[in-house]
Amino acid sequence: MKKLTEDQKRQIAAIAAKTDADIDLSEMPEVLDWSGAEIGKFHRPAKKPVTIRLDTDIVAWLKSYGSGYQTKVNLLLRHAMQASRGRGSRRSSPNRVHN
């Protein structure tokens, strides 16, 4: 990411100093219908770099869908995490075998 210029810093400070009453919204109508809104569309959770060893056939399968296999791994793990949370509030170790 590029560093901000002094002029950009001044502009940001001027905007931040404004109160809600100082902002002219006359050309920006209020949104009343949020039915088409997408929840979490712009949310980007923090990422943590990790090293993981996967079977070669798993990596080949993920890569067969095109670039971004690491993102696919993350999505699959997130889906599994959310599914396991939906089963109940009891949390268990991922290494624990359930009978």
C-alpha atoms as a PDB file:
ATOM      1  CA  MET A   1       0.000   0.000   0.000  1.00  0.00           C
ATOM      2  CA  LYS A   2       1.332   3.414  -0.940  1.00  0.00           C
ATOM      3  CA  LYS A   3       2.036   5.970   1.758  1.00  0.00           C
ATOM      4  CA  LEU A   4      -0.310   8.923   1.938  1.00  0.00           C
ATOM      5  CA  THR A   5       0.904  12.295   0.741  1.00  0.00           C
ATOM      6  CA  GLU A   6       0.773  15.267   3.080  1.00  0.00           C
ATOM      7  CA  ASP A   7      -2.149  16.669   1.066  1.00  0.00           C
ATOM      8  CA  GLN A   8      -4.068  13.399   1.432  1.00  0.00           C
ATOM      9  CA  LYS A   9      -3.389  13.383   5.173  1.00  0.00           C
ATOM     10  CA  ARG A  10      -4.745  16.958   5.441  1.00  0.00           C
ATOM     11  CA  GLN A  11      -7.884  16.011   3.471  1.00  0.00           C
ATOM     12  CA  ILE A  12      -8.519  12.986   5.683  1.00  0.00           C
ATOM     13  CA  ALA A  13      -8.050  15.063   8.831  1.00  0.00           C
ATOM     14  CA  ALA A  14     -10.503  17.689   7.512  1.00  0.00           C
ATOM     15  CA  ILE A  15     -13.126  15.035   6.787  1.00  0.00           C
ATOM     16  CA  ALA A  16     -12.606  13.342  10.162  1.00  0.00           C
ATOM     17  CA  ALA A  17     -13.091  16.680  11.929  1.00  0.00           C
ATOM     18  CA  LYS A  18     -16.580  17.151  10.452  1.00  0.00           C
ATOM     19  CA  THR A  19     -19.664  16.392  12.514  1.00  0.00           C
ATOM     20  CA  ASP A  20     -22.648  14.560  11.050  1.00  0.00           C
ATOM     21  CA  ALA A  21     -24.511  17.879  10.816  1.00  0.00           C
ATOM     22  CA  ASP A  22     -21.700  19.344   8.659  1.00  0.00           C
ATOM     23  CA  ILE A  23     -22.031  16.681   5.959  1.00  0.00           C
ATOM     24  CA  ASP A  24     -24.263  17.590   2.998  1.00  0.00           C
ATOM     25  CA  LEU A  25     -26.344  14.543   2.059  1.00  0.00           C
ATOM     26  CA  SER A  26     -28.752  16.372  -0.283  1.00  0.00           C
ATOM     27  CA  GLU A  27     -27.411  14.585  -3.390  1.00  0.00           C
ATOM     28  CA  MET A  28     -27.313  11.214  -1.651  1.00  0.00           C
ATOM     29  CA  PRO A  29     -30.795   9.932  -0.839  1.00  0.00           C
ATOM     30  CA  GLU A  30     -31.281   7.714   2.177  1.00  0.00           C
ATOM     31  CA  VAL A  31     -31.470   4.001   1.398  1.00  0.00           C
ATOM     32  CA  LEU A  32     -34.781   2.659   2.672  1.00  0.00           C
ATOM     33  CA  ASP A  33     -34.837  -0.743   0.950  1.00  0.00           C
ATOM     34  CA  TRP A  34     -32.047  -3.045   2.147  1.00  0.00           C
ATOM     35  CA  SER A  35     -33.610  -6.245   0.763  1.00  0.00           C
ATOM     36  CA  GLY A  36     -30.851  -6.627  -1.832  1.00  0.00           C
ATOM     37  CA  ALA A  37     -28.010  -6.072   0.613  1.00  0.00           C
ATOM     38  CA  GLU A  38     -25.351  -8.764   0.949  1.00  0.00           C
ATOM     39  CA  ILE A  39     -24.250  -9.461   4.509  1.00  0.00           C
ATOM     40  CA  GLY A  40     -20.496  -9.687   4.906  1.00  0.00           C
ATOM     41  CA  LYS A  41     -19.735  -8.815   1.275  1.00  0.00           C
ATOM     42  CA  PHE A  42     -16.904  -6.473   2.208  1.00  0.00           C
ATOM     43  CA  HIS A  43     -15.847  -8.130   5.459  1.00  0.00           C
ATOM     44  CA  ARG A  44     -12.361  -9.583   5.248  1.00  0.00           C
ATOM     45  CA  PRO A  45     -11.324 -11.556   8.323  1.00  0.00           C
ATOM     46  CA  ALA A  46      -7.706 -11.311   9.391  1.00  0.00           C
ATOM     47  CA  LYS A  47      -5.537 -14.016   7.875  1.00  0.00           C
ATOM     48  CA  LYS A  48      -2.784 -15.965   9.618  1.00  0.00           C
ATOM     49  CA  PRO A  49      -0.113 -17.633   7.511  1.00  0.00           C
ATOM     50  CA  VAL A  50       0.249 -21.318   8.386  1.00  0.00           C
ATOM     51  CA  THR A  51       2.081 -24.331   7.047  1.00  0.00           C
ATOM     52  CA  ILE A  52      -0.114 -27.349   6.424  1.00  0.00           C
ATOM     53  CA  ARG A  53       0.685 -30.715   4.899  1.00  0.00           C
ATOM     54  CA  LEU A  54      -2.023 -32.079   2.628  1.00  0.00           C
ATOM     55  CA  ASP A  55      -2.216 -35.297   0.629  1.00  0.00           C
ATOM     56  CA  THR A  56      -1.127 -34.778  -2.978  1.00  0.00           C
ATOM     57  CA  ASP A  57      -4.462 -35.983  -4.346  1.00  0.00           C
ATOM     58  CA  ILE A  58      -6.283 -33.392  -2.218  1.00  0.00           C
ATOM     59  CA  VAL A  59      -4.070 -30.577  -3.540  1.00  0.00           C
ATOM     60  CA  ALA A  60      -4.505 -31.847  -7.124  1.00  0.00           C
ATOM     61  CA  TRP A  61      -8.286 -31.911  -6.659  1.00  0.00           C
ATOM     62  CA  LEU A  62      -8.339 -28.360  -5.292  1.00  0.00           C
ATOM     63  CA  LYS A  63      -6.053 -27.081  -8.062  1.00  0.00           C
ATOM     64  CA  SER A  64      -8.225 -28.764 -10.709  1.00  0.00           C
ATOM     65  CA  TYR A  65     -10.829 -26.037 -10.082  1.00  0.00           C
ATOM     66  CA  GLY A  66      -8.363 -23.330 -11.091  1.00  0.00           C
ATOM     67  CA  SER A  67      -6.225 -20.862  -9.206  1.00  0.00           C
ATOM     68  CA  GLY A  68      -6.889 -19.972  -5.602  1.00  0.00           C
ATOM     69  CA  TYR A  69      -6.715 -23.421  -4.038  1.00  0.00           C
ATOM     70  CA  GLN A  70      -5.671 -21.954  -0.682  1.00  0.00           C
ATOM     71  CA  THR A  71      -8.826 -19.839  -0.660  1.00  0.00           C
ATOM     72  CA  LYS A  72     -10.824 -22.987  -1.398  1.00  0.00           C
ATOM     73  CA  VAL A  73      -9.157 -24.757   1.537  1.00  0.00           C
ATOM     74  CA  ASN A  74     -10.167 -21.826   3.745  1.00  0.00           C
ATOM     75  CA  LEU A  75     -13.772 -21.915   2.476  1.00  0.00           C
ATOM     76  CA  LEU A  76     -14.056 -25.677   3.011  1.00  0.00           C
ATOM     77  CA  LEU A  77     -12.666 -25.385   6.543  1.00  0.00           C
ATOM     78  CA  ARG A  78     -14.981 -22.452   7.312  1.00  0.00           C
ATOM     79  CA  HIS A  79     -17.959 -24.488   6.083  1.00  0.00           C
ATOM     80  CA  ALA A  80     -16.928 -27.419   8.297  1.00  0.00           C
ATOM     81  CA  MET A  81     -16.441 -25.090  11.272  1.00  0.00           C
ATOM     82  CA  GLN A  82     -19.867 -23.488  10.828  1.00  0.00           C
ATOM     83  CA  ALA A  83     -21.524 -26.882  10.375  1.00  0.00           C
ATOM     84  CA  SER A  84     -19.949 -28.181  13.575  1.00  0.00           C
ATOM     85  CA  ARG A  85     -21.062 -25.079  15.479  1.00  0.00           C
ATOM     86  CA  GLY A  86     -24.604 -25.662  14.230  1.00  0.00           C
ATOM     87  CA  ARG A  87     -24.733 -29.088  15.887  1.00  0.00           C
ATOM     88  CA  GLY A  88     -24.731 -27.600  19.365  1.00  0.00           C
ATOM     89  CA  SER A  89     -22.879 -25.310  21.676  1.00  0.00           C
ATOM     90  CA  ARG A  90     -20.548 -28.037  22.975  1.00  0.00           C
ATOM     91  CA  ARG A  91     -17.062 -27.506  21.644  1.00  0.00           C
ATOM     92  CA  SER A  92     -14.623 -30.337  21.312  1.00  0.00           C
ATOM     93  CA  SER A  93     -11.066 -30.770  20.204  1.00  0.00           C
ATOM     94  CA  PRO A  94     -10.650 -31.316  16.448  1.00  0.00           C
ATOM     95  CA  ASN A  95      -8.537 -34.394  17.330  1.00  0.00           C
ATOM     96  CA  ARG A  96     -11.251 -35.972  19.436  1.00  0.00           C
ATOM     97  CA  VAL A  97     -12.959 -38.995  17.878  1.00  0.00           C
ATOM     98  CA  HIS A  98     -16.741 -38.954  18.313  1.00  0.00           C
ATOM     99  CA  ASN A  99     -18.558 -42.277  18.807  1.00  0.00           C
END
